[in-house]
Protein backbone atom coordinates (compact mmCIF):
# COMPACT_ATOMS: atom_id res chain seq x y z
CA MET A 1 -0.02 0.04 0.01
CA THR A 2 1.30 3.47 -0.94
CA ASP A 3 1.16 6.38 1.45
CA THR A 4 -0.39 9.06 -0.72
CA SER A 5 0.04 11.87 1.88
CA ALA A 6 3.88 11.72 1.53
CA PRO A 7 5.62 14.78 0.16
CA GLY A 8 5.20 15.09 -3.54
CA ASN A 9 2.00 13.11 -3.64
CA PRO A 10 -1.14 15.27 -3.40
CA THR A 11 -3.82 14.25 -0.87
CA PRO A 12 -7.09 13.43 -2.39
CA GLY A 13 -8.90 16.61 -3.61
CA GLN A 14 -5.66 18.57 -3.74
CA GLN A 15 -4.41 19.64 -7.12
CA PRO A 16 -0.62 19.22 -7.84
CA ALA A 17 1.07 22.58 -8.20
CA ASN A 18 1.94 23.49 -11.77
CA PRO A 19 5.56 24.60 -11.93
CA PRO A 20 6.28 27.68 -14.18
CA SER A 21 7.04 26.81 -17.70
CA LEU A 22 8.33 28.52 -20.87
CA ARG A 23 7.56 26.94 -24.25
CA VAL A 24 9.06 28.08 -27.47
CA LEU A 25 6.27 27.64 -30.05
CA GLY A 26 8.05 29.21 -33.04
CA GLN A 27 10.88 31.31 -34.29
CA TYR A 28 11.03 33.49 -37.32
CA VAL A 29 12.65 36.35 -39.18
CA LYS A 30 10.38 39.29 -39.18
CA ASP A 31 12.66 41.61 -41.08
CA LEU A 32 16.19 41.34 -42.54
CA SER A 33 18.21 43.79 -44.52
CA PHE A 34 21.88 43.91 -45.65
CA GLU A 35 23.24 47.04 -47.45
CA ASN A 36 26.68 47.08 -48.97
CA PRO A 37 27.08 50.85 -49.98
CA GLY A 38 30.85 51.01 -49.93
CA HIS A 39 32.21 47.57 -50.73
CA ALA A 40 35.97 48.12 -51.13
CA PRO A 41 39.10 46.31 -50.06
CA VAL A 42 39.66 46.89 -46.36
CA GLN A 43 43.28 47.25 -45.25
CA THR A 44 42.49 47.75 -41.50
CA GLN A 45 40.16 46.34 -38.97
CA PRO A 46 36.73 48.07 -39.59
CA ASN A 47 34.90 49.75 -36.69
CA ILE A 48 31.63 47.85 -35.90
CA ASP A 49 28.76 49.56 -34.21
CA LEU A 50 26.32 47.06 -32.74
CA GLY A 51 22.77 47.67 -31.48
CA ILE A 52 20.54 45.33 -29.59
CA ASP A 53 16.92 45.88 -28.63
CA VAL A 54 14.46 43.49 -27.14
CA GLY A 55 10.77 43.89 -26.99
CA ALA A 56 7.76 41.70 -25.99
CA THR A 57 4.10 41.97 -26.80
CA PRO A 58 1.27 39.83 -25.74
CA HIS A 59 -0.13 37.74 -28.69
CA ALA A 60 -3.72 38.40 -29.78
CA ASP A 61 -4.73 34.79 -28.88
CA GLY A 62 -3.95 35.34 -25.27
CA ASN A 63 -3.32 32.11 -23.29
CA GLY A 64 -0.01 33.30 -21.96
CA LEU A 65 1.24 33.72 -25.55
CA PHE A 66 3.78 36.53 -26.13
CA GLU A 67 5.93 37.62 -29.15
CA VAL A 68 9.42 38.42 -28.22
CA SER A 69 11.46 40.35 -30.68
CA LEU A 70 15.26 40.61 -30.74
CA LYS A 71 16.53 43.33 -33.03
CA LEU A 72 20.21 43.34 -34.00
CA SER A 73 21.84 46.00 -35.98
CA ALA A 74 25.38 46.21 -37.18
CA LYS A 75 27.18 48.94 -39.10
CA ALA A 76 30.77 48.44 -40.22
CA THR A 77 33.00 51.47 -41.28
CA ALA A 78 36.47 52.02 -42.42
CA GLY A 79 37.32 55.61 -41.99
CA ASP A 80 34.47 57.57 -43.64
CA THR A 81 33.40 54.59 -45.73
CA VAL A 82 30.40 52.52 -44.70
CA LEU A 83 31.21 49.01 -45.60
CA PHE A 84 27.85 47.38 -44.67
CA ILE A 85 24.72 47.96 -42.63
CA SER A 86 22.87 44.89 -41.43
CA GLU A 87 19.66 44.84 -39.57
CA LEU A 88 17.79 41.80 -38.27
CA ASP A 89 14.40 41.57 -36.41
CA TYR A 90 14.12 38.01 -35.20
CA ALA A 91 11.13 36.92 -33.17
CA GLY A 92 9.75 33.97 -31.28
CA LEU A 93 6.39 33.00 -30.05
CA PHE A 94 6.47 31.88 -26.49
CA GLN A 95 3.98 30.57 -24.07
CA LEU A 96 4.33 31.21 -20.34
CA GLN A 97 2.26 29.04 -17.84
CA SER A 98 2.10 29.36 -14.11
CA VAL A 99 4.67 32.15 -14.07
CA PRO A 100 4.30 34.51 -11.19
CA GLU A 101 3.28 37.90 -12.34
CA ASN A 102 6.33 39.58 -10.95
CA GLN A 103 8.48 37.19 -13.11
CA VAL A 104 6.74 37.55 -16.45
CA GLU A 105 8.64 40.60 -17.56
CA PRO A 106 12.10 39.27 -16.67
CA MET A 107 11.32 35.96 -18.26
CA LEU A 108 10.21 37.75 -21.53
CA LEU A 109 13.10 40.14 -21.70
CA ILE A 110 15.86 38.05 -20.35
CA GLU A 111 15.14 34.22 -20.89
CA CYS A 112 13.36 34.51 -24.27
CA PRO A 113 16.04 36.61 -25.95
CA ARG A 114 18.66 34.32 -24.64
CA LEU A 115 17.00 31.48 -26.31
CA LEU A 116 16.68 33.46 -29.61
CA PHE A 117 20.18 34.95 -29.60
CA PRO A 118 22.18 31.98 -31.02
CA PHE A 119 19.86 31.75 -34.16
CA ALA A 120 19.96 35.52 -34.66
CA ARG A 121 23.78 35.57 -34.33
CA ARG A 122 24.06 32.90 -36.91
CA ILE A 123 21.94 34.72 -39.34
CA ILE A 124 24.01 37.81 -39.13
CA ALA A 125 27.23 35.82 -39.43
CA GLU A 126 25.86 34.17 -42.63
CA ILE A 127 24.49 37.34 -44.17
CA THR A 128 27.74 39.36 -43.71
CA ARG A 129 29.75 36.31 -45.12
CA GLU A 130 27.31 36.19 -48.08
CA GLY A 131 27.86 39.88 -48.58
CA GLY A 132 31.57 39.39 -49.16
CA PHE A 133 32.88 40.09 -45.76
CA PRO A 134 34.30 37.85 -42.91
CA PRO A 135 31.43 36.57 -40.84
CA LEU A 136 30.37 38.93 -38.10
CA LEU A 137 30.37 36.88 -34.95
CA ILE A 138 28.63 38.87 -32.27
CA ASP A 139 29.96 38.12 -28.74
CA PRO A 140 27.48 36.64 -26.32
CA VAL A 141 25.13 39.07 -24.78
CA ASP A 142 24.28 39.51 -21.03
CA PHE A 143 20.61 39.95 -21.21
CA VAL A 144 20.40 40.36 -17.45
CA ALA A 145 22.70 43.45 -17.56
CA LEU A 146 20.71 44.73 -20.55
CA TYR A 147 17.43 44.25 -18.72
CA GLN A 148 18.86 45.96 -15.58
CA ALA A 149 20.09 48.91 -17.55
CA GLN A 150 16.70 49.26 -19.31
CA TYR A 151 14.90 49.11 -15.92
CA ARG A 152 17.30 51.73 -14.46
CA ARG A 153 16.64 54.16 -17.43
CA ALA A 154 12.89 53.72 -17.09
CA ALA A 155 13.00 54.37 -13.35
CA GLU A 156 15.21 57.54 -13.97
CA ARG A 157 12.83 58.90 -16.51
CA GLN A 158 9.88 58.27 -14.18
CA ASN A 159 11.62 59.95 -11.26
CA GLY A 160 12.66 62.80 -13.51
CA ASN A 161 9.14 63.23 -14.77
CA GLY A 162 7.75 62.93 -11.21
CA GLY A 163 9.99 65.84 -9.93
CA ALA A 164 8.80 68.15 -12.68
CA ASN A 165 5.24 68.58 -11.30
């Protein structure tokens, strides 16, 4: 005979707790562009300006569905010459279940982009290679630090606006 009241076994009438979960339902390229305005032999290491933006919006279907967008932009210059400009908007459809409300935003803006990043990184590397340049291999991104910086900027804007009244 099994003791059903032991830890881990719910007592009759008690529902087992649903642990928080994150499911990736799909990933896709929303927008991709590569411009090569100044293709010329480069004798020195080009300067690369990299931009990263993360956004999340609830999906129209609801049910804990969110679209998370990871936007990567890269501009390579050598002196005054723009070698290439690449922009990628890579997104994923995620489903969150049983996630506490205070953890939804960090999950969407840290964990989801962390899952998308390797795929977006590969696309940027391939498109720069296909454009005639060495593949641009973007260093890993600390999405926790990015989220914290975004959170601080929002708090500073709110405090600055609050003091102007």
